[in-house]
N, C-alpha and C. Protein backbone atom coordinates (compact mmCIF):
# COMPACT_ATOMS: atom_id res chain seq x y z
N UNK A 1 69.86 115.02 204.91
CA UNK A 1 71.04 114.80 205.71
C UNK A 1 71.69 113.49 205.27
N UNK A 2 72.97 113.53 205.10
CA UNK A 2 73.69 112.37 204.63
C UNK A 2 74.50 111.78 205.78
N UNK A 3 74.38 110.46 205.97
CA UNK A 3 75.10 109.76 207.04
C UNK A 3 76.13 108.85 206.39
N UNK A 4 77.33 108.89 206.89
CA UNK A 4 78.37 108.00 206.38
C UNK A 4 78.10 106.56 206.77
N UNK A 5 78.72 105.64 206.05
CA UNK A 5 78.50 104.22 206.29
C UNK A 5 78.93 103.81 207.70
N UNK A 6 80.05 104.31 208.18
CA UNK A 6 80.54 103.96 209.52
C UNK A 6 79.59 104.51 210.58
N UNK A 7 79.11 105.72 210.42
CA UNK A 7 78.17 106.31 211.37
C UNK A 7 76.89 105.50 211.43
N UNK A 8 76.41 105.07 210.28
CA UNK A 8 75.18 104.27 210.24
C UNK A 8 75.37 102.94 210.95
N UNK A 9 76.52 102.31 210.78
CA UNK A 9 76.80 101.03 211.44
C UNK A 9 76.88 101.22 212.95
N UNK A 10 77.57 102.27 213.40
CA UNK A 10 77.69 102.53 214.84
C UNK A 10 76.31 102.82 215.43
N UNK A 11 75.51 103.60 214.73
CA UNK A 11 74.16 103.92 215.19
C UNK A 11 73.31 102.65 215.29
N UNK A 12 73.38 101.80 214.30
CA UNK A 12 72.63 100.55 214.31
C UNK A 12 73.09 99.65 215.45
N UNK A 13 74.41 99.59 215.71
CA UNK A 13 74.93 98.76 216.81
C UNK A 13 74.44 99.29 218.15
N UNK A 14 74.44 100.61 218.32
CA UNK A 14 73.96 101.19 219.58
C UNK A 14 72.49 100.88 219.80
N UNK A 15 71.67 100.97 218.76
CA UNK A 15 70.26 100.65 218.89
C UNK A 15 70.07 99.18 219.21
N UNK A 16 70.87 98.30 218.63
CA UNK A 16 70.80 96.86 218.90
C UNK A 16 71.17 96.57 220.34
N UNK A 17 72.17 97.26 220.87
CA UNK A 17 72.60 97.05 222.26
C UNK A 17 71.57 97.61 223.23
N UNK A 18 71.00 98.77 222.93
CA UNK A 18 70.06 99.43 223.84
C UNK A 18 68.64 98.88 223.76
N UNK A 19 68.28 98.23 222.68
CA UNK A 19 66.91 97.73 222.52
C UNK A 19 66.48 96.81 223.65
N UNK A 20 67.31 95.83 224.08
CA UNK A 20 66.87 94.98 225.20
C UNK A 20 66.65 95.76 226.48
N UNK A 21 67.41 96.85 226.68
CA UNK A 21 67.23 97.63 227.91
C UNK A 21 65.87 98.31 227.92
N UNK A 22 65.41 98.74 226.77
CA UNK A 22 64.11 99.39 226.69
C UNK A 22 62.97 98.40 226.91
N UNK A 23 63.23 97.11 226.65
CA UNK A 23 62.20 96.09 226.78
C UNK A 23 62.44 95.20 227.99
N UNK A 24 63.18 95.67 228.98
CA UNK A 24 63.53 94.86 230.13
C UNK A 24 62.32 94.55 230.99
N UNK A 25 62.29 93.35 231.53
CA UNK A 25 61.23 92.93 232.43
C UNK A 25 61.36 93.66 233.76
N UNK A 26 60.25 94.09 234.30
CA UNK A 26 60.22 94.71 235.63
C UNK A 26 59.49 93.77 236.58
N UNK A 27 59.87 93.83 237.85
CA UNK A 27 59.23 92.96 238.84
C UNK A 27 59.09 93.69 240.16
N UNK A 28 58.02 93.34 240.86
CA UNK A 28 57.89 93.73 242.27
C UNK A 28 57.68 92.42 243.03
N UNK A 29 58.18 92.39 244.25
CA UNK A 29 58.14 91.16 245.05
C UNK A 29 57.66 91.49 246.45
N UNK A 30 56.77 90.66 246.97
CA UNK A 30 56.52 90.72 248.40
C UNK A 30 56.64 89.31 248.97
N UNK A 31 57.14 89.25 250.20
CA UNK A 31 57.40 87.99 250.87
C UNK A 31 56.47 87.90 252.07
N UNK A 32 55.87 86.72 252.26
CA UNK A 32 54.91 86.54 253.34
C UNK A 32 54.92 85.10 253.82
N UNK A 33 54.44 84.87 255.02
CA UNK A 33 54.20 83.51 255.52
C UNK A 33 52.72 83.32 255.83
N UNK A 34 51.90 84.23 255.32
CA UNK A 34 50.47 84.23 255.59
C UNK A 34 49.69 83.76 254.36
N UNK A 35 48.73 82.88 254.59
CA UNK A 35 47.82 82.45 253.52
C UNK A 35 46.44 83.04 253.78
N UNK A 36 45.81 83.50 252.71
CA UNK A 36 44.46 84.04 252.77
C UNK A 36 43.65 83.32 251.70
N UNK A 37 42.75 82.42 252.14
CA UNK A 37 41.97 81.59 251.21
C UNK A 37 42.85 80.79 250.26
N UNK A 38 43.93 80.24 250.80
CA UNK A 38 44.81 79.38 250.02
C UNK A 38 45.82 80.10 249.16
N UNK A 39 45.84 81.43 249.19
CA UNK A 39 46.81 82.22 248.41
C UNK A 39 47.65 83.05 249.37
N UNK A 40 48.91 83.29 249.01
CA UNK A 40 49.73 84.16 249.87
C UNK A 40 49.04 85.49 250.09
N UNK A 41 48.97 85.89 251.34
CA UNK A 41 48.25 87.11 251.70
C UNK A 41 49.18 88.25 252.06
N UNK A 42 48.55 89.35 252.40
CA UNK A 42 49.28 90.54 252.78
C UNK A 42 50.11 90.25 254.03
N UNK A 43 51.32 90.74 254.03
CA UNK A 43 52.23 90.54 255.15
C UNK A 43 51.72 91.27 256.38
N UNK A 44 51.50 90.52 257.45
CA UNK A 44 50.98 91.13 258.68
C UNK A 44 52.11 91.64 259.57
N UNK A 45 53.32 91.17 259.34
CA UNK A 45 54.47 91.56 260.13
C UNK A 45 55.71 91.50 259.26
N UNK A 46 56.76 92.14 259.67
CA UNK A 46 58.01 92.08 258.91
C UNK A 46 58.85 90.87 259.31
N UNK A 47 58.41 90.15 260.34
CA UNK A 47 59.12 88.97 260.82
C UNK A 47 58.38 87.72 260.39
N UNK A 48 59.07 86.80 259.74
CA UNK A 48 58.45 85.58 259.25
C UNK A 48 58.85 84.40 260.13
N UNK A 49 57.90 83.54 260.42
CA UNK A 49 58.08 82.42 261.33
C UNK A 49 58.87 81.30 260.66
N UNK A 50 59.93 80.84 261.33
CA UNK A 50 60.80 79.80 260.77
C UNK A 50 60.08 78.46 260.59
N UNK A 51 58.95 78.27 261.26
CA UNK A 51 58.22 77.00 261.17
C UNK A 51 57.22 76.98 260.03
N UNK A 52 57.01 78.11 259.40
CA UNK A 52 55.98 78.20 258.35
C UNK A 52 56.61 78.26 256.97
N UNK A 53 55.81 77.95 255.98
CA UNK A 53 56.23 78.08 254.59
C UNK A 53 56.31 79.58 254.27
N UNK A 54 57.37 79.98 253.56
CA UNK A 54 57.58 81.39 253.22
C UNK A 54 57.37 81.54 251.71
N UNK A 55 56.52 82.47 251.33
CA UNK A 55 56.16 82.67 249.93
C UNK A 55 56.76 83.96 249.39
N UNK A 56 57.20 83.92 248.15
CA UNK A 56 57.58 85.13 247.41
C UNK A 56 56.57 85.26 246.28
N UNK A 57 55.87 86.38 246.26
CA UNK A 57 54.89 86.65 245.21
C UNK A 57 55.53 87.69 244.28
N UNK A 58 55.76 87.27 243.04
CA UNK A 58 56.48 88.09 242.07
C UNK A 58 55.50 88.58 241.00
N UNK A 59 55.34 89.88 240.91
CA UNK A 59 54.49 90.48 239.88
C UNK A 59 55.38 90.99 238.76
N UNK A 60 55.08 90.57 237.52
CA UNK A 60 55.93 90.90 236.37
C UNK A 60 55.21 91.85 235.41
N UNK A 61 55.97 92.78 234.84
CA UNK A 61 55.47 93.66 233.78
C UNK A 61 56.55 93.80 232.72
N UNK A 62 56.15 94.20 231.55
CA UNK A 62 57.07 94.46 230.43
C UNK A 62 57.92 93.24 230.07
N UNK A 63 57.32 92.06 230.13
CA UNK A 63 58.05 90.84 229.75
C UNK A 63 58.12 90.80 228.22
N UNK A 64 59.33 90.76 227.64
CA UNK A 64 59.45 90.72 226.18
C UNK A 64 58.79 89.47 225.59
N UNK A 65 58.40 89.54 224.34
CA UNK A 65 57.76 88.42 223.65
C UNK A 65 58.64 87.18 223.73
N UNK A 66 57.98 86.03 223.88
CA UNK A 66 58.70 84.76 223.87
C UNK A 66 58.72 84.06 225.21
N UNK A 67 59.55 83.01 225.29
CA UNK A 67 59.72 82.22 226.50
C UNK A 67 61.00 82.67 227.20
N UNK A 68 60.93 82.76 228.53
CA UNK A 68 62.07 83.25 229.31
C UNK A 68 62.29 82.34 230.51
N UNK A 69 63.48 82.45 231.10
CA UNK A 69 63.82 81.68 232.30
C UNK A 69 63.83 82.61 233.50
N UNK A 70 62.96 82.33 234.47
CA UNK A 70 62.89 83.08 235.72
C UNK A 70 63.63 82.28 236.78
N UNK A 71 64.53 82.93 237.50
CA UNK A 71 65.28 82.28 238.57
C UNK A 71 65.06 83.06 239.86
N UNK A 72 64.74 82.33 240.93
CA UNK A 72 64.56 82.92 242.26
C UNK A 72 65.59 82.27 243.17
N UNK A 73 66.50 83.08 243.71
CA UNK A 73 67.53 82.60 244.64
C UNK A 73 67.19 83.06 246.05
N UNK A 74 67.15 82.11 246.97
CA UNK A 74 66.90 82.38 248.39
C UNK A 74 68.25 82.28 249.11
N UNK A 75 68.70 83.39 249.71
CA UNK A 75 70.00 83.43 250.37
C UNK A 75 69.82 83.66 251.86
N UNK A 76 70.47 82.82 252.68
CA UNK A 76 70.31 82.88 254.14
C UNK A 76 71.14 84.01 254.75
N UNK A 77 71.01 84.24 256.06
CA UNK A 77 71.72 85.34 256.72
C UNK A 77 73.24 85.23 256.65
N UNK A 78 73.77 84.03 256.38
CA UNK A 78 75.22 83.84 256.26
C UNK A 78 75.72 84.02 254.84
N UNK A 79 74.82 84.39 253.91
CA UNK A 79 75.21 84.60 252.52
C UNK A 79 75.23 83.33 251.69
N UNK A 80 74.73 82.25 252.23
CA UNK A 80 74.70 80.96 251.52
C UNK A 80 73.38 80.81 250.77
N UNK A 81 73.46 80.50 249.48
CA UNK A 81 72.23 80.25 248.72
C UNK A 81 71.66 78.93 249.18
N UNK A 82 70.45 78.98 249.73
CA UNK A 82 69.79 77.79 250.29
C UNK A 82 68.86 77.12 249.30
N UNK A 83 68.35 77.89 248.37
CA UNK A 83 67.38 77.33 247.42
C UNK A 83 67.44 78.13 246.13
N UNK A 84 67.23 77.44 245.03
CA UNK A 84 67.11 78.09 243.72
C UNK A 84 65.91 77.48 243.02
N UNK A 85 64.95 78.34 242.66
CA UNK A 85 63.77 77.92 241.90
C UNK A 85 63.94 78.46 240.49
N UNK A 86 63.90 77.57 239.51
CA UNK A 86 64.02 77.96 238.11
C UNK A 86 62.78 77.49 237.37
N UNK A 87 62.20 78.39 236.59
CA UNK A 87 61.02 78.01 235.81
C UNK A 87 60.93 78.84 234.54
N UNK A 88 60.27 78.27 233.56
CA UNK A 88 60.03 78.95 232.29
C UNK A 88 58.78 79.81 232.44
N UNK A 89 58.84 81.01 231.89
CA UNK A 89 57.69 81.90 231.87
C UNK A 89 57.47 82.40 230.44
N UNK A 90 56.26 82.83 230.16
CA UNK A 90 55.91 83.40 228.87
C UNK A 90 55.75 84.91 229.00
N UNK A 91 55.69 85.60 227.87
CA UNK A 91 55.48 87.04 227.91
C UNK A 91 54.13 87.41 228.52
N UNK A 92 53.21 86.46 228.57
CA UNK A 92 51.89 86.71 229.16
C UNK A 92 51.87 86.48 230.68
N UNK A 93 52.95 85.97 231.24
CA UNK A 93 53.01 85.70 232.69
C UNK A 93 53.00 87.02 233.46
N UNK A 94 52.09 87.15 234.40
CA UNK A 94 52.00 88.38 235.20
C UNK A 94 52.33 88.15 236.67
N UNK A 95 52.18 86.91 237.15
CA UNK A 95 52.48 86.63 238.56
C UNK A 95 53.05 85.22 238.71
N UNK A 96 54.05 85.12 239.57
CA UNK A 96 54.65 83.84 239.89
C UNK A 96 54.73 83.77 241.42
N UNK A 97 54.31 82.63 241.96
CA UNK A 97 54.42 82.40 243.41
C UNK A 97 55.38 81.24 243.61
N UNK A 98 56.37 81.45 244.44
CA UNK A 98 57.32 80.40 244.78
C UNK A 98 57.48 80.40 246.29
N UNK A 99 57.99 79.33 246.85
CA UNK A 99 58.04 79.24 248.30
C UNK A 99 59.29 78.54 248.78
N UNK A 100 59.52 78.71 250.07
CA UNK A 100 60.66 78.12 250.77
C UNK A 100 60.13 77.50 252.06
N UNK A 101 60.56 76.30 252.35
CA UNK A 101 60.21 75.64 253.61
C UNK A 101 61.52 75.30 254.30
N UNK A 102 61.70 75.83 255.49
CA UNK A 102 62.91 75.58 256.26
C UNK A 102 62.75 74.30 257.08
N UNK A 103 63.78 73.48 257.07
CA UNK A 103 63.74 72.20 257.80
C UNK A 103 64.79 72.21 258.89
N UNK A 104 64.41 71.82 260.11
CA UNK A 104 65.37 71.82 261.22
C UNK A 104 66.43 70.75 261.05
N UNK A 105 67.52 70.93 261.79
CA UNK A 105 68.59 69.95 261.77
C UNK A 105 68.09 68.60 262.27
N UNK A 106 68.65 67.53 261.74
CA UNK A 106 68.27 66.18 262.14
C UNK A 106 68.48 66.00 263.64
N UNK A 107 67.52 65.36 264.30
CA UNK A 107 67.64 65.07 265.73
C UNK A 107 67.15 66.16 266.64
N UNK A 108 66.62 67.25 266.10
CA UNK A 108 66.19 68.35 266.97
C UNK A 108 64.69 68.35 267.23
N UNK A 109 63.98 67.37 266.72
CA UNK A 109 62.52 67.34 266.77
C UNK A 109 61.93 67.41 268.16
N UNK A 110 62.36 66.58 269.09
CA UNK A 110 61.79 66.54 270.43
C UNK A 110 62.06 67.84 271.18
N UNK A 111 63.28 68.35 271.07
CA UNK A 111 63.64 69.58 271.78
C UNK A 111 62.92 70.81 271.23
N UNK A 112 62.52 70.79 269.97
CA UNK A 112 61.84 71.92 269.36
C UNK A 112 60.46 72.17 269.98
N UNK A 113 59.90 71.16 270.63
CA UNK A 113 58.61 71.35 271.32
C UNK A 113 58.76 72.39 272.43
N UNK A 114 59.96 72.48 273.02
CA UNK A 114 60.22 73.43 274.11
C UNK A 114 60.79 74.75 273.60
N UNK A 115 61.56 74.68 272.49
CA UNK A 115 62.17 75.88 271.93
C UNK A 115 62.22 75.72 270.41
N UNK A 116 61.37 76.44 269.68
CA UNK A 116 61.31 76.27 268.23
C UNK A 116 62.58 76.65 267.49
N UNK A 117 63.48 77.39 268.14
CA UNK A 117 64.72 77.81 267.49
C UNK A 117 65.77 76.70 267.44
N UNK A 118 65.59 75.65 268.23
CA UNK A 118 66.58 74.56 268.25
C UNK A 118 66.61 73.91 266.87
N UNK A 119 67.79 73.81 266.32
CA UNK A 119 67.98 73.22 265.00
C UNK A 119 67.71 74.19 263.86
N UNK A 120 67.35 75.43 264.18
CA UNK A 120 67.01 76.42 263.16
C UNK A 120 67.90 77.66 263.22
N UNK A 121 68.91 77.67 264.06
CA UNK A 121 69.70 78.89 264.27
C UNK A 121 70.36 79.41 262.99
N UNK A 122 70.72 78.54 262.06
CA UNK A 122 71.35 78.99 260.81
C UNK A 122 70.36 79.76 259.94
N UNK A 123 69.07 79.65 260.22
CA UNK A 123 68.04 80.30 259.41
C UNK A 123 67.56 81.63 259.98
N UNK A 124 67.89 81.91 261.23
CA UNK A 124 67.38 83.11 261.90
C UNK A 124 68.19 84.33 261.45
N UNK A 125 67.47 85.37 260.99
CA UNK A 125 68.13 86.60 260.57
C UNK A 125 67.57 87.12 259.25
N UNK A 126 68.34 88.00 258.63
CA UNK A 126 67.92 88.66 257.39
C UNK A 126 68.26 87.78 256.18
N UNK A 127 67.24 87.48 255.39
CA UNK A 127 67.36 86.70 254.15
C UNK A 127 67.20 87.63 252.95
N UNK A 128 67.65 87.15 251.79
CA UNK A 128 67.46 87.86 250.52
C UNK A 128 66.77 86.95 249.52
N UNK A 129 65.89 87.53 248.73
CA UNK A 129 65.31 86.84 247.58
C UNK A 129 65.73 87.66 246.37
N UNK A 130 66.45 87.03 245.45
CA UNK A 130 66.91 87.70 244.23
C UNK A 130 66.19 87.09 243.03
N UNK A 131 65.65 87.95 242.19
CA UNK A 131 64.90 87.52 241.01
C UNK A 131 65.69 87.91 239.77
N UNK A 132 65.83 86.96 238.84
CA UNK A 132 66.46 87.27 237.55
C UNK A 132 65.64 86.64 236.44
N UNK A 133 65.69 87.28 235.28
CA UNK A 133 65.04 86.76 234.08
C UNK A 133 66.09 86.70 232.99
N UNK A 134 66.26 85.51 232.42
CA UNK A 134 67.25 85.28 231.37
C UNK A 134 68.64 85.75 231.79
N UNK A 135 68.98 85.54 233.06
CA UNK A 135 70.31 85.87 233.57
C UNK A 135 70.50 87.31 234.01
N UNK A 136 69.51 88.16 233.81
CA UNK A 136 69.61 89.57 234.20
C UNK A 136 68.87 89.79 235.52
N UNK A 137 69.59 90.29 236.53
CA UNK A 137 68.97 90.57 237.83
C UNK A 137 67.95 91.70 237.66
N UNK A 138 66.73 91.47 238.17
CA UNK A 138 65.69 92.50 238.03
C UNK A 138 65.11 92.97 239.35
N UNK A 139 65.29 92.18 240.42
CA UNK A 139 64.72 92.59 241.71
C UNK A 139 65.39 91.82 242.84
N UNK A 140 65.47 92.48 243.99
CA UNK A 140 66.01 91.83 245.19
C UNK A 140 65.26 92.42 246.37
N UNK A 141 64.89 91.56 247.31
CA UNK A 141 64.20 92.04 248.50
C UNK A 141 64.68 91.26 249.71
N UNK A 142 64.53 91.87 250.87
CA UNK A 142 64.96 91.25 252.12
C UNK A 142 63.76 90.96 253.00
N UNK A 143 63.93 89.94 253.87
CA UNK A 143 62.94 89.64 254.89
C UNK A 143 63.68 89.02 256.07
N UNK A 144 63.02 89.01 257.22
CA UNK A 144 63.67 88.48 258.43
C UNK A 144 62.93 87.25 258.93
N UNK A 145 63.70 86.21 259.24
CA UNK A 145 63.15 84.96 259.79
C UNK A 145 63.43 84.95 261.30
N UNK A 146 62.39 84.66 262.06
CA UNK A 146 62.50 84.53 263.52
C UNK A 146 61.87 83.20 263.92
N UNK A 147 62.20 82.74 265.10
CA UNK A 147 61.60 81.51 265.65
C UNK A 147 60.92 81.82 266.96
């Protein structure tokens, strides 16, 4: 079978464009505020406590060879990005744990003893954790913060 020069170039370009898609990193994420022997544990409830540290446990597969940039964006119920964690990962990286700690508004400390939601109202509701590798979105999950 004979292939023309233009056909061969188009075919090569298509393979070059599609190759990264075949080698794309996959991720699964679970979010928890529970520690089990010092490690984030299985989520006991779908509601996470605003006073506790919140962990995102990211399991990675099919990471292409080399060094990559993993970005975790934490977005609050109002759509505002509250935190961005950026770190370098290798193709051998299988799990990354990152966390978020919510801090109450200044001056609300004494009143929080009576009502933990005081100074935390902007944090109560559905949050999003978005995971990207080298600028490509690979996973997004939601969780709910309560006080």
